[in-house]
Amino acid sequence: MDTYEGQDDTMGGTDEAQAHTPTHIDRRHGQSQSADFPSSNQVYSASPTPEVDPNGPRYPTPPTAFAPSISRPNSGLSGNGTQYGNMQSSYQDPNARGAAAGEQGRNKNSVVIKVGMVGDAQIGKTSLMVKYVEGSWDEDYIQTLGVNFMEKTISIRNTEITFSIWDLGGQREFVNMLPLVCNDAVAILFMFDLTRKSTLNSIKEWYRQGRGFNKTAIPFLVGTKYDHFVNFPREDQEEISNQ
């Protein structure tokens, strides 16, 4: 089983340019417990829209659908410099420069990739998301109530890629929001705490339910809190790694 290195409630990210829409469905300090999954014959309703707490939002309300990717054909740009004898003027009218910049922006392709994050409570899902998008993390544990949502945009050649990241709270009362996180996702991160074997045991049920809503998403198994895990006795490390 592959695991990925991470910090205690802090996960690595990248330094690419980012554009994120701060979103929140209610976060506050509190105790939490692992998800208690319903029976397999439970019928889920259509994807609900989480309610927003007006008194303390950190992240905007997750959208329920994504706009289609935009791809526009390339078009040539012409300079507006003026020739004086043997000298070329470097001056360009500001309006012309703005039009050129807008034309370059329209030449870029745009892609949105939805990523879902599921797993038990207190394993570092939100910390991974915040670390990747903002490059920082919360020192204290803050319980996720419902669904957190953030975006990060990176540019690769002529394409802007926006990662739309959906983080589901691990408490049992939020399991009915699993369709909202999994539907239309390109990838789903099934996450567990390397220092708590029970969170790894829960992955089987998270996987079963998540795949029930999305059979085409690419699954990733992500182990967190590796910095604590390396201090475990070797036999305990092997037991978790070989499970």
C-alpha atoms as a PDB file:
ATOM      1  CA  MET A   1       0.000   0.000   0.000  1.00  0.00           C
ATOM      2  CA  ASP A   2       1.400   3.393  -0.965  1.00  0.00           C
ATOM      3  CA  THR A   3       1.262   6.262   1.464  1.00  0.00           C
ATOM      4  CA  TYR A   4       2.138   9.861   1.031  1.00  0.00           C
ATOM      5  CA  GLU A   5       4.257  11.933   3.346  1.00  0.00           C
ATOM      6  CA  GLY A   6       2.487  14.714   5.241  1.00  0.00           C
ATOM      7  CA  GLN A   7       2.696  16.783   8.391  1.00  0.00           C
ATOM      8  CA  ASP A   8       0.426  16.679  11.396  1.00  0.00           C
ATOM      9  CA  ASP A   9      -2.676  18.282  10.032  1.00  0.00           C
ATOM     10  CA  THR A  10      -0.450  19.946   7.473  1.00  0.00           C
ATOM     11  CA  MET A  11       0.117  18.682   3.988  1.00  0.00           C
ATOM     12  CA  GLY A  12       2.453  19.789   1.238  1.00  0.00           C
ATOM     13  CA  GLY A  13       1.449  21.947  -1.677  1.00  0.00           C
ATOM     14  CA  THR A  14       2.939  23.651  -4.706  1.00  0.00           C
ATOM     15  CA  ASP A  15       4.108  27.174  -5.408  1.00  0.00           C
ATOM     16  CA  GLU A  16       2.240  27.691  -8.672  1.00  0.00           C
ATOM     17  CA  ALA A  17       0.196  30.841  -9.136  1.00  0.00           C
ATOM     18  CA  GLN A  18      -3.118  30.411  -7.464  1.00  0.00           C
ATOM     19  CA  ALA A  19      -6.561  31.875  -7.634  1.00  0.00           C
ATOM     20  CA  HIS A  20      -8.808  30.617  -4.954  1.00  0.00           C
ATOM     21  CA  THR A  21     -12.245  31.515  -3.892  1.00  0.00           C
ATOM     22  CA  PRO A  22     -12.329  31.385  -0.093  1.00  0.00           C
ATOM     23  CA  THR A  23     -15.288  29.230   0.822  1.00  0.00           C
ATOM     24  CA  HIS A  24     -16.841  27.774   3.893  1.00  0.00           C
ATOM     25  CA  ILE A  25     -19.756  25.911   5.078  1.00  0.00           C
ATOM     26  CA  ASP A  26     -19.162  26.493   8.828  1.00  0.00           C
ATOM     27  CA  ARG A  27     -15.950  25.668  10.659  1.00  0.00           C
ATOM     28  CA  ARG A  28     -15.491  25.890  14.416  1.00  0.00           C
ATOM     29  CA  HIS A  29     -13.605  24.192  17.229  1.00  0.00           C
ATOM     30  CA  GLY A  30     -15.141  21.068  18.583  1.00  0.00           C
ATOM     31  CA  GLN A  31     -14.819  17.341  19.127  1.00  0.00           C
ATOM     32  CA  SER A  32     -15.549  14.923  16.338  1.00  0.00           C
ATOM     33  CA  GLN A  33     -15.960  11.230  15.767  1.00  0.00           C
ATOM     34  CA  SER A  34     -15.421   8.808  12.933  1.00  0.00           C
ATOM     35  CA  ALA A  35     -18.186   8.347  10.437  1.00  0.00           C
ATOM     36  CA  ASP A  36     -20.776   5.720  11.326  1.00  0.00           C
ATOM     37  CA  PHE A  37     -21.924   4.556   7.917  1.00  0.00           C
ATOM     38  CA  PRO A  38     -25.560   3.668   7.219  1.00  0.00           C
ATOM     39  CA  SER A  39     -26.539   0.267   5.916  1.00  0.00           C
ATOM     40  CA  SER A  40     -25.883  -0.527   2.258  1.00  0.00           C
ATOM     41  CA  ASN A  41     -29.573  -0.397   1.356  1.00  0.00           C
ATOM     42  CA  GLN A  42     -29.999   3.202   2.460  1.00  0.00           C
ATOM     43  CA  VAL A  43     -31.393   5.398  -0.314  1.00  0.00           C
ATOM     44  CA  TYR A  44     -29.718   8.786  -0.788  1.00  0.00           C
ATOM     45  CA  SER A  45     -31.589  11.806  -1.982  1.00  0.00           C
ATOM     46  CA  ALA A  46     -30.333  14.135  -4.671  1.00  0.00           C
ATOM     47  CA  SER A  47     -27.178  16.055  -3.870  1.00  0.00           C
ATOM     48  CA  PRO A  48     -28.115  18.616  -1.184  1.00  0.00           C
ATOM     49  CA  THR A  49     -26.904  22.185  -1.124  1.00  0.00           C
ATOM     50  CA  PRO A  50     -25.194  22.943   2.213  1.00  0.00           C
ATOM     51  CA  GLU A  51     -26.453  25.824   4.303  1.00  0.00           C
ATOM     52  CA  VAL A  52     -24.122  28.731   4.905  1.00  0.00           C
ATOM     53  CA  ASP A  53     -23.508  30.156   8.384  1.00  0.00           C
ATOM     54  CA  PRO A  54     -23.729  33.948   7.871  1.00  0.00           C
ATOM     55  CA  ASN A  55     -21.834  34.671  11.101  1.00  0.00           C
ATOM     56  CA  GLY A  56     -18.467  33.161  10.286  1.00  0.00           C
ATOM     57  CA  PRO A  57     -17.899  31.930   6.738  1.00  0.00           C
ATOM     58  CA  ARG A  58     -14.359  31.241   5.696  1.00  0.00           C
ATOM     59  CA  TYR A  59     -15.052  29.648   2.358  1.00  0.00           C
ATOM     60  CA  PRO A  60     -17.815  30.502  -0.208  1.00  0.00           C
ATOM     61  CA  THR A  61     -20.718  28.122  -0.791  1.00  0.00           C
ATOM     62  CA  PRO A  62     -19.730  25.293  -3.128  1.00  0.00           C
ATOM     63  CA  PRO A  63     -21.317  25.537  -6.559  1.00  0.00           C
ATOM     64  CA  THR A  64     -23.614  22.719  -7.598  1.00  0.00           C
ATOM     65  CA  ALA A  65     -22.354  22.595 -11.173  1.00  0.00           C
ATOM     66  CA  PHE A  66     -19.367  23.636 -13.206  1.00  0.00           C
ATOM     67  CA  ALA A  67     -19.325  25.718 -16.353  1.00  0.00           C
ATOM     68  CA  PRO A  68     -18.075  23.806 -19.385  1.00  0.00           C
ATOM     69  CA  SER A  69     -14.431  24.135 -20.299  1.00  0.00           C
ATOM     70  CA  ILE A  70     -13.743  27.032 -22.634  1.00  0.00           C
ATOM     71  CA  SER A  71     -11.555  26.565 -25.664  1.00  0.00           C
ATOM     72  CA  ARG A  72     -11.095  29.387 -28.134  1.00  0.00           C
ATOM     73  CA  PRO A  73      -9.168  29.340 -31.424  1.00  0.00           C
ATOM     74  CA  ASN A  74      -5.843  31.144 -31.647  1.00  0.00           C
ATOM     75  CA  SER A  75      -5.757  34.512 -33.384  1.00  0.00           C
ATOM     76  CA  GLY A  76      -2.824  36.674 -34.465  1.00  0.00           C
ATOM     77  CA  LEU A  77      -1.751  39.863 -32.720  1.00  0.00           C
ATOM     78  CA  SER A  78      -0.485  42.916 -34.591  1.00  0.00           C
ATOM     79  CA  GLY A  79       1.731  45.634 -33.123  1.00  0.00           C
ATOM     80  CA  ASN A  80       0.821  49.304 -33.228  1.00  0.00           C
ATOM     81  CA  GLY A  81       4.352  50.777 -33.162  1.00  0.00           C
ATOM     82  CA  THR A  82       5.071  53.750 -35.430  1.00  0.00           C
ATOM     83  CA  GLN A  83       8.045  53.887 -37.826  1.00  0.00           C
ATOM     84  CA  TYR A  84      10.087  57.135 -37.938  1.00  0.00           C
ATOM     85  CA  GLY A  85      12.852  56.939 -40.580  1.00  0.00           C
ATOM     86  CA  ASN A  86      15.304  54.300 -39.364  1.00  0.00           C
ATOM     87  CA  MET A  87      13.949  54.311 -35.782  1.00  0.00           C
ATOM     88  CA  GLN A  88      11.129  52.172 -34.458  1.00  0.00           C
ATOM     89  CA  SER A  89       8.916  53.759 -31.818  1.00  0.00           C
ATOM     90  CA  SER A  90       8.273  51.549 -28.786  1.00  0.00           C
ATOM     91  CA  TYR A  91       5.173  53.492 -27.793  1.00  0.00           C
ATOM     92  CA  GLN A  92       1.824  51.729 -27.894  1.00  0.00           C
ATOM     93  CA  ASP A  93      -1.514  53.253 -27.197  1.00  0.00           C
ATOM     94  CA  PRO A  94      -2.799  52.044 -23.766  1.00  0.00           C
ATOM     95  CA  ASN A  95      -6.070  50.950 -25.325  1.00  0.00           C
ATOM     96  CA  ALA A  96      -4.164  48.857 -27.854  1.00  0.00           C
ATOM     97  CA  ARG A  97      -2.115  47.221 -25.087  1.00  0.00           C
ATOM     98  CA  GLY A  98      -5.285  46.379 -23.170  1.00  0.00           C
ATOM     99  CA  ALA A  99      -6.870  44.882 -26.265  1.00  0.00           C
ATOM    100  CA  ALA A 100      -3.762  42.773 -26.896  1.00  0.00           C
ATOM    101  CA  ALA A 101      -3.763  41.487 -23.316  1.00  0.00           C
ATOM    102  CA  GLY A 102      -7.439  40.590 -23.591  1.00  0.00           C
ATOM    103  CA  GLU A 103      -6.786  38.778 -26.856  1.00  0.00           C
ATOM    104  CA  GLN A 104      -4.004  36.745 -25.256  1.00  0.00           C
ATOM    105  CA  GLY A 105      -6.328  35.811 -22.385  1.00  0.00           C
ATOM    106  CA  ARG A 106      -8.976  34.638 -24.823  1.00  0.00           C
ATOM    107  CA  ASN A 107      -6.431  32.408 -26.535  1.00  0.00           C
ATOM    108  CA  LYS A 108      -5.995  30.313 -23.374  1.00  0.00           C
ATOM    109  CA  ASN A 109      -7.901  27.092 -22.827  1.00  0.00           C
ATOM    110  CA  SER A 110      -9.682  26.622 -19.499  1.00  0.00           C
ATOM    111  CA  VAL A 111     -10.151  23.310 -17.688  1.00  0.00           C
ATOM    112  CA  VAL A 112     -11.915  22.622 -14.369  1.00  0.00           C
ATOM    113  CA  ILE A 113     -10.994  19.465 -12.433  1.00  0.00           C
ATOM    114  CA  LYS A 114     -13.157  18.513  -9.469  1.00  0.00           C
ATOM    115  CA  VAL A 115     -11.403  16.626  -6.656  1.00  0.00           C
ATOM    116  CA  GLY A 116     -13.254  15.053  -3.712  1.00  0.00           C
ATOM    117  CA  MET A 117     -11.704  14.380  -0.291  1.00  0.00           C
ATOM    118  CA  VAL A 118     -13.273  11.820   2.062  1.00  0.00           C
ATOM    119  CA  GLY A 119     -12.253   9.990   5.218  1.00  0.00           C
ATOM    120  CA  ASP A 120     -12.776   9.938   8.980  1.00  0.00           C
ATOM    121  CA  ALA A 121     -12.683  13.057  11.139  1.00  0.00           C
ATOM    122  CA  GLN A 122      -9.448  14.604  12.437  1.00  0.00           C
ATOM    123  CA  ILE A 123      -7.154  13.064   9.827  1.00  0.00           C
ATOM    124  CA  GLY A 124      -5.972  16.253   8.079  1.00  0.00           C
ATOM    125  CA  LYS A 125      -8.254  16.585   5.030  1.00  0.00           C
ATOM    126  CA  THR A 126      -8.882  20.291   5.486  1.00  0.00           C
ATOM    127  CA  SER A 127      -5.231  20.948   6.343  1.00  0.00           C
ATOM    128  CA  LEU A 128      -4.166  19.293   3.087  1.00  0.00           C
ATOM    129  CA  MET A 129      -6.584  21.465   1.113  1.00  0.00           C
ATOM    130  CA  VAL A 130      -5.598  24.727   2.839  1.00  0.00           C
ATOM    131  CA  LYS A 131      -1.893  23.925   2.598  1.00  0.00           C
ATOM    132  CA  TYR A 132      -2.151  23.280  -1.144  1.00  0.00           C
ATOM    133  CA  VAL A 133      -4.302  26.314  -1.952  1.00  0.00           C
ATOM    134  CA  GLU A 134      -2.978  28.915   0.503  1.00  0.00           C
ATOM    135  CA  GLY A 135       0.454  27.539   1.367  1.00  0.00           C
ATOM    136  CA  SER A 136      -0.364  27.709   5.086  1.00  0.00           C
ATOM    137  CA  TRP A 137      -2.173  25.713   7.732  1.00  0.00           C
ATOM    138  CA  ASP A 138      -4.116  26.064  10.974  1.00  0.00           C
ATOM    139  CA  GLU A 139      -2.145  25.207  14.101  1.00  0.00           C
ATOM    140  CA  ASP A 140      -5.303  24.092  15.921  1.00  0.00           C
ATOM    141  CA  TYR A 141      -7.829  21.507  14.839  1.00  0.00           C
ATOM    142  CA  ILE A 142     -11.017  23.044  13.473  1.00  0.00           C
ATOM    143  CA  GLN A 143     -13.886  20.685  12.833  1.00  0.00           C
ATOM    144  CA  THR A 144     -15.366  20.692   9.335  1.00  0.00           C
ATOM    145  CA  LEU A 145     -19.134  21.007   9.460  1.00  0.00           C
ATOM    146  CA  GLY A 146     -20.639  19.865   6.176  1.00  0.00           C
ATOM    147  CA  VAL A 147     -18.492  20.557   3.125  1.00  0.00           C
ATOM    148  CA  ASN A 148     -15.513  22.876   2.652  1.00  0.00           C
ATOM    149  CA  PHE A 149     -14.704  24.069  -0.860  1.00  0.00           C
ATOM    150  CA  MET A 150     -11.641  25.813  -2.296  1.00  0.00           C
ATOM    151  CA  GLU A 151     -10.161  26.427  -5.749  1.00  0.00           C
ATOM    152  CA  LYS A 152      -6.648  26.801  -7.092  1.00  0.00           C
ATOM    153  CA  THR A 153      -5.742  27.728 -10.666  1.00  0.00           C
ATOM    154  CA  ILE A 154      -2.421  26.920 -12.290  1.00  0.00           C
ATOM    155  CA  SER A 155      -1.195  27.591 -15.825  1.00  0.00           C
ATOM    156  CA  ILE A 156       0.493  24.938 -17.940  1.00  0.00           C
ATOM    157  CA  ARG A 157       1.588  26.217 -21.342  1.00  0.00           C
ATOM    158  CA  ASN A 158      -1.548  27.642 -22.936  1.00  0.00           C
ATOM    159  CA  THR A 159      -4.029  26.051 -20.539  1.00  0.00           C
ATOM    160  CA  GLU A 160      -5.427  27.297 -17.233  1.00  0.00           C
ATOM    161  CA  ILE A 161      -6.310  24.387 -14.942  1.00  0.00           C
ATOM    162  CA  THR A 162      -8.598  25.045 -11.983  1.00  0.00           C
ATOM    163  CA  PHE A 163      -8.650  22.431  -9.235  1.00  0.00           C
ATOM    164  CA  SER A 164     -12.017  22.543  -7.484  1.00  0.00           C
ATOM    165  CA  ILE A 165     -11.460  20.762  -4.161  1.00  0.00           C
ATOM    166  CA  TRP A 166     -14.381  19.479  -2.059  1.00  0.00           C
ATOM    167  CA  ASP A 167     -13.678  18.432   1.542  1.00  0.00           C
ATOM    168  CA  LEU A 168     -16.366  16.381   3.326  1.00  0.00           C
ATOM    169  CA  GLY A 169     -16.603  16.460   7.122  1.00  0.00           C
ATOM    170  CA  GLY A 170     -15.879  13.021   8.599  1.00  0.00           C
ATOM    171  CA  GLN A 171     -18.717  12.952  11.140  1.00  0.00           C
ATOM    172  CA  ARG A 172     -21.561  10.513  10.584  1.00  0.00           C
ATOM    173  CA  GLU A 173     -24.165  13.271  10.222  1.00  0.00           C
ATOM    174  CA  PHE A 174     -22.497  14.455   7.004  1.00  0.00           C
ATOM    175  CA  VAL A 175     -22.424  11.112   5.192  1.00  0.00           C
ATOM    176  CA  ASN A 176     -25.632  12.068   3.372  1.00  0.00           C
ATOM    177  CA  MET A 177     -23.624  14.829   1.642  1.00  0.00           C
ATOM    178  CA  LEU A 178     -21.265  12.296   0.056  1.00  0.00           C
ATOM    179  CA  PRO A 179     -22.996  12.551  -3.368  1.00  0.00           C
ATOM    180  CA  LEU A 180     -22.294  16.308  -3.423  1.00  0.00           C
ATOM    181  CA  VAL A 181     -18.568  15.637  -3.054  1.00  0.00           C
ATOM    182  CA  CYS A 182     -18.266  12.575  -5.300  1.00  0.00           C
ATOM    183  CA  ASN A 183     -20.597  13.364  -8.204  1.00  0.00           C
ATOM    184  CA  ASP A 184     -18.707  14.584 -11.300  1.00  0.00           C
ATOM    185  CA  ALA A 185     -15.337  14.342  -9.519  1.00  0.00           C
ATOM    186  CA  VAL A 186     -12.360  13.477 -11.717  1.00  0.00           C
ATOM    187  CA  ALA A 187     -10.431  12.155  -8.704  1.00  0.00           C
ATOM    188  CA  ILE A 188     -11.344  11.152  -5.138  1.00  0.00           C
ATOM    189  CA  LEU A 189      -8.789  11.174  -2.319  1.00  0.00           C
ATOM    190  CA  PHE A 190      -9.568   8.450   0.230  1.00  0.00           C
ATOM    191  CA  MET A 191      -7.636   9.670   3.252  1.00  0.00           C
ATOM    192  CA  PHE A 192      -6.594   8.117   6.573  1.00  0.00           C
ATOM    193  CA  ASP A 193      -4.346   8.889   9.535  1.00  0.00           C
ATOM    194  CA  LEU A 194      -1.179   6.759   9.553  1.00  0.00           C
ATOM    195  CA  THR A 195      -1.124   6.928  13.350  1.00  0.00           C
ATOM    196  CA  ARG A 196      -4.664   5.569  13.779  1.00  0.00           C
ATOM    197  CA  LYS A 197      -5.311   2.144  12.325  1.00  0.00           C
ATOM    198  CA  SER A 198      -9.070   2.560  12.749  1.00  0.00           C
ATOM    199  CA  THR A 199      -9.105   5.325  10.126  1.00  0.00           C
ATOM    200  CA  LEU A 200      -7.478   2.952   7.637  1.00  0.00           C
ATOM    201  CA  ASN A 201     -10.062   0.279   8.417  1.00  0.00           C
ATOM    202  CA  SER A 202     -12.798   2.812   7.601  1.00  0.00           C
ATOM    203  CA  ILE A 203     -11.412   3.356   4.099  1.00  0.00           C
ATOM    204  CA  LYS A 204     -13.074   0.198   2.784  1.00  0.00           C
ATOM    205  CA  GLU A 205     -16.508   1.592   3.611  1.00  0.00           C
ATOM    206  CA  TRP A 206     -15.657   5.090   2.393  1.00  0.00           C
ATOM    207  CA  TYR A 207     -14.459   3.556  -0.871  1.00  0.00           C
ATOM    208  CA  ARG A 208     -17.556   1.385  -1.269  1.00  0.00           C
ATOM    209  CA  GLN A 209     -19.929   4.298  -0.752  1.00  0.00           C
ATOM    210  CA  GLY A 210     -17.902   6.814  -2.755  1.00  0.00           C
ATOM    211  CA  ARG A 211     -17.607   4.503  -5.756  1.00  0.00           C
ATOM    212  CA  GLY A 212     -21.334   3.941  -5.559  1.00  0.00           C
ATOM    213  CA  PHE A 213     -21.830   7.578  -6.576  1.00  0.00           C
ATOM    214  CA  ASN A 214     -18.929   7.818  -9.021  1.00  0.00           C
ATOM    215  CA  LYS A 215     -17.442   4.756 -10.700  1.00  0.00           C
ATOM    216  CA  THR A 216     -15.216   6.686 -13.121  1.00  0.00           C
ATOM    217  CA  ALA A 217     -13.272   8.928 -10.725  1.00  0.00           C
ATOM    218  CA  ILE A 218      -9.597   8.068 -10.195  1.00  0.00           C
ATOM    219  CA  PRO A 219      -9.151   6.856  -6.576  1.00  0.00           C
ATOM    220  CA  PHE A 220      -6.097   7.833  -4.507  1.00  0.00           C
ATOM    221  CA  LEU A 221      -5.209   6.426  -1.091  1.00  0.00           C
ATOM    222  CA  VAL A 222      -3.531   9.140   1.004  1.00  0.00           C
ATOM    223  CA  GLY A 223      -1.923   8.589   4.414  1.00  0.00           C
ATOM    224  CA  THR A 224      -1.412  11.660   6.606  1.00  0.00           C
ATOM    225  CA  LYS A 225       0.711  12.559   9.666  1.00  0.00           C
ATOM    226  CA  TYR A 226       3.785  10.757   8.393  1.00  0.00           C
ATOM    227  CA  ASP A 227       6.000  12.849  10.678  1.00  0.00           C
ATOM    228  CA  HIS A 228       4.434  11.064  13.670  1.00  0.00           C
ATOM    229  CA  PHE A 229       4.266   7.716  11.901  1.00  0.00           C
ATOM    230  CA  VAL A 230       8.056   7.518  11.454  1.00  0.00           C
ATOM    231  CA  ASN A 231       8.474   7.586  15.237  1.00  0.00           C
ATOM    232  CA  PHE A 232       6.383   4.429  15.682  1.00  0.00           C
ATOM    233  CA  PRO A 233       8.107   1.093  16.409  1.00  0.00           C
ATOM    234  CA  ARG A 234       9.099  -0.661  13.203  1.00  0.00           C
ATOM    235  CA  GLU A 235       6.680  -3.543  13.754  1.00  0.00           C
ATOM    236  CA  ASP A 236       3.760  -1.095  14.041  1.00  0.00           C
ATOM    237  CA  GLN A 237       4.834   0.674  10.859  1.00  0.00           C
ATOM    238  CA  GLU A 238       4.991  -2.624   8.977  1.00  0.00           C
ATOM    239  CA  GLU A 239       1.582  -3.694  10.264  1.00  0.00           C
ATOM    240  CA  ILE A 240      -0.088  -0.562   8.906  1.00  0.00           C
ATOM    241  CA  SER A 241       1.942  -0.508   5.679  1.00  0.00           C
ATOM    242  CA  ASN A 242       1.179  -4.145   4.858  1.00  0.00           C
ATOM    243  CA  GLN A 243      -2.523  -4.056   5.702  1.00  0.00           C
END
